[in-house]
Protein backbone atom coordinates (compact mmCIF):
# COMPACT_ATOMS: atom_id res chain seq x y z
CA MET A 1 97.78 117.19 85.12
CA SER A 2 96.06 120.09 86.81
CA ALA A 3 95.46 120.18 90.52
CA SER A 4 91.73 119.60 90.02
CA THR A 5 92.24 116.35 88.06
CA GLN A 6 94.86 114.80 90.34
CA PRO A 7 93.67 112.02 92.67
CA ARG A 8 93.17 113.27 96.22
CA SER A 9 94.20 110.08 97.93
CA ARG A 10 96.16 106.94 97.25
CA SER A 11 92.93 104.87 97.37
CA MET A 12 91.72 106.63 94.22
CA LEU A 13 94.64 105.12 92.31
CA ARG A 14 93.60 101.50 92.89
CA PRO A 15 91.50 99.74 90.26
CA ARG A 16 87.81 99.87 91.16
CA CYS A 17 87.45 96.06 91.06
CA LEU A 18 89.92 95.55 93.92
CA PRO A 19 88.65 95.30 97.48
CA ARG A 20 89.04 98.40 99.67
CA ARG A 21 91.19 96.43 102.12
CA TRP A 22 93.75 95.44 99.45
CA ASP A 23 96.69 96.99 101.31
CA ARG A 24 95.58 95.62 104.68
CA ARG A 25 95.19 92.07 103.34
CA THR A 26 98.64 92.21 101.76
CA ALA A 27 100.11 93.48 105.02
CA ILE A 28 98.44 90.64 106.94
CA ALA A 29 99.71 88.11 104.39
CA ARG A 30 103.27 89.42 104.73
CA ALA A 31 103.09 89.52 108.52
CA GLY A 32 101.99 85.89 108.72
CA GLU A 33 104.46 84.63 106.14
CA ASP A 34 107.12 83.61 108.69
CA LYS A 35 104.58 81.51 110.60
CA GLY A 36 102.97 79.98 107.52
CA ILE A 37 99.78 82.00 107.98
CA ARG A 38 98.08 82.95 104.73
CA CYS A 39 95.45 85.62 104.12
CA ASN A 40 92.98 85.12 101.27
CA VAL A 41 89.54 86.49 100.46
CA ILE A 42 86.48 84.82 98.96
CA ALA A 43 84.31 87.25 97.00
CA PRO A 44 81.06 85.52 96.04
CA GLY A 45 78.93 86.84 93.23
CA PHE A 46 75.28 85.87 92.71
CA ILE A 47 74.67 83.07 95.20
CA ASP A 48 71.43 81.11 95.57
CA THR A 49 70.38 82.10 99.07
CA PRO A 50 67.06 83.43 100.35
CA MET A 51 68.43 86.97 100.02
CA GLY A 52 69.75 86.24 96.51
CA ARG A 53 66.40 84.79 95.41
CA ASP A 54 64.65 87.84 96.84
CA ALA A 55 66.95 90.15 94.85
CA GLY A 56 66.26 88.08 91.72
CA ARG A 57 62.51 88.52 92.16
CA ARG A 58 62.86 92.29 92.41
CA ARG A 59 65.11 92.48 89.33
CA SER A 60 63.98 89.98 86.75
CA ASP A 61 66.66 91.18 84.29
CA ARG A 62 69.38 90.07 86.72
CA ALA A 63 69.03 86.43 85.68
CA LEU A 64 69.67 87.33 82.02
CA THR A 65 73.33 88.19 82.62
CA VAL A 66 74.27 85.53 85.17
CA PRO A 67 76.98 83.22 83.76
CA PHE A 68 75.90 79.59 83.27
CA GLY A 69 72.28 80.72 83.54
CA ARG A 70 72.14 80.17 87.30
CA GLN A 71 73.33 81.55 90.59
CA GLY A 72 76.16 79.88 92.47
CA THR A 73 75.38 77.61 95.41
CA GLY A 74 76.44 77.73 99.02
CA TRP A 75 78.23 74.43 98.44
CA GLU A 76 80.39 76.03 95.74
CA VAL A 77 81.42 78.75 98.19
CA ALA A 78 82.07 76.10 100.87
CA TYR A 79 84.27 74.04 98.52
CA ALA A 80 86.30 77.15 97.67
CA ALA A 81 86.78 77.79 101.40
CA LEU A 82 87.80 74.17 101.93
CA PHE A 83 90.39 74.53 99.19
CA LEU A 84 91.81 77.69 100.74
CA ILE A 85 92.17 76.14 104.20
CA SER A 86 93.62 72.88 102.87
CA ASN A 87 97.26 72.03 102.27
CA GLU A 88 96.47 71.97 98.54
CA SER A 89 96.53 75.78 98.59
CA SER A 90 99.70 76.12 100.65
CA TYR A 91 101.22 78.50 98.09
CA VAL A 92 98.11 80.68 97.68
CA ASN A 93 98.49 83.92 99.63
CA ALA A 94 97.10 87.48 99.43
CA HIS A 95 94.59 86.34 96.81
CA THR A 96 90.96 87.24 96.18
CA LEU A 97 88.99 84.31 94.78
CA PHE A 98 86.01 85.66 92.88
CA LEU A 99 83.19 83.11 92.83
CA ASP A 100 80.97 84.76 90.26
CA GLY A 101 81.07 82.42 87.27
CA GLY A 102 83.29 84.91 85.44
CA HIS A 103 80.86 87.82 85.76
CA LEU A 104 83.54 90.23 86.98
CA GLY A 105 85.74 89.15 84.09
CA GLY A 106 83.08 90.28 81.65
CA ILE A 107 81.46 86.91 80.95
CA VAL A 108 77.74 87.45 80.63
CA ARG A 109 75.07 85.23 79.25
CA GLY A 110 73.82 86.72 76.04
């Protein structure tokens, strides 16, 4: 690999779908492990909010690719947060929960 094609920084080596704070979240998760403190992230996709509806009006093609043919709801985000703060998720740590109907995984409505 020539010098011009080598990555300049370690951050260039991470997959583009991972959050920029990947290392920081993992460090926080490890630091809190002894005390039972967990660190997780919720990454919502297309959510039905006033701002989301506004974006949908400006880009009518956006609705064509949304999984399930609809945007997610605030309640769905809230239920995910409730799960993560409950004892039911006591073994979930350093995880990003993508609430996008599978959009990031390549599921698109066709």
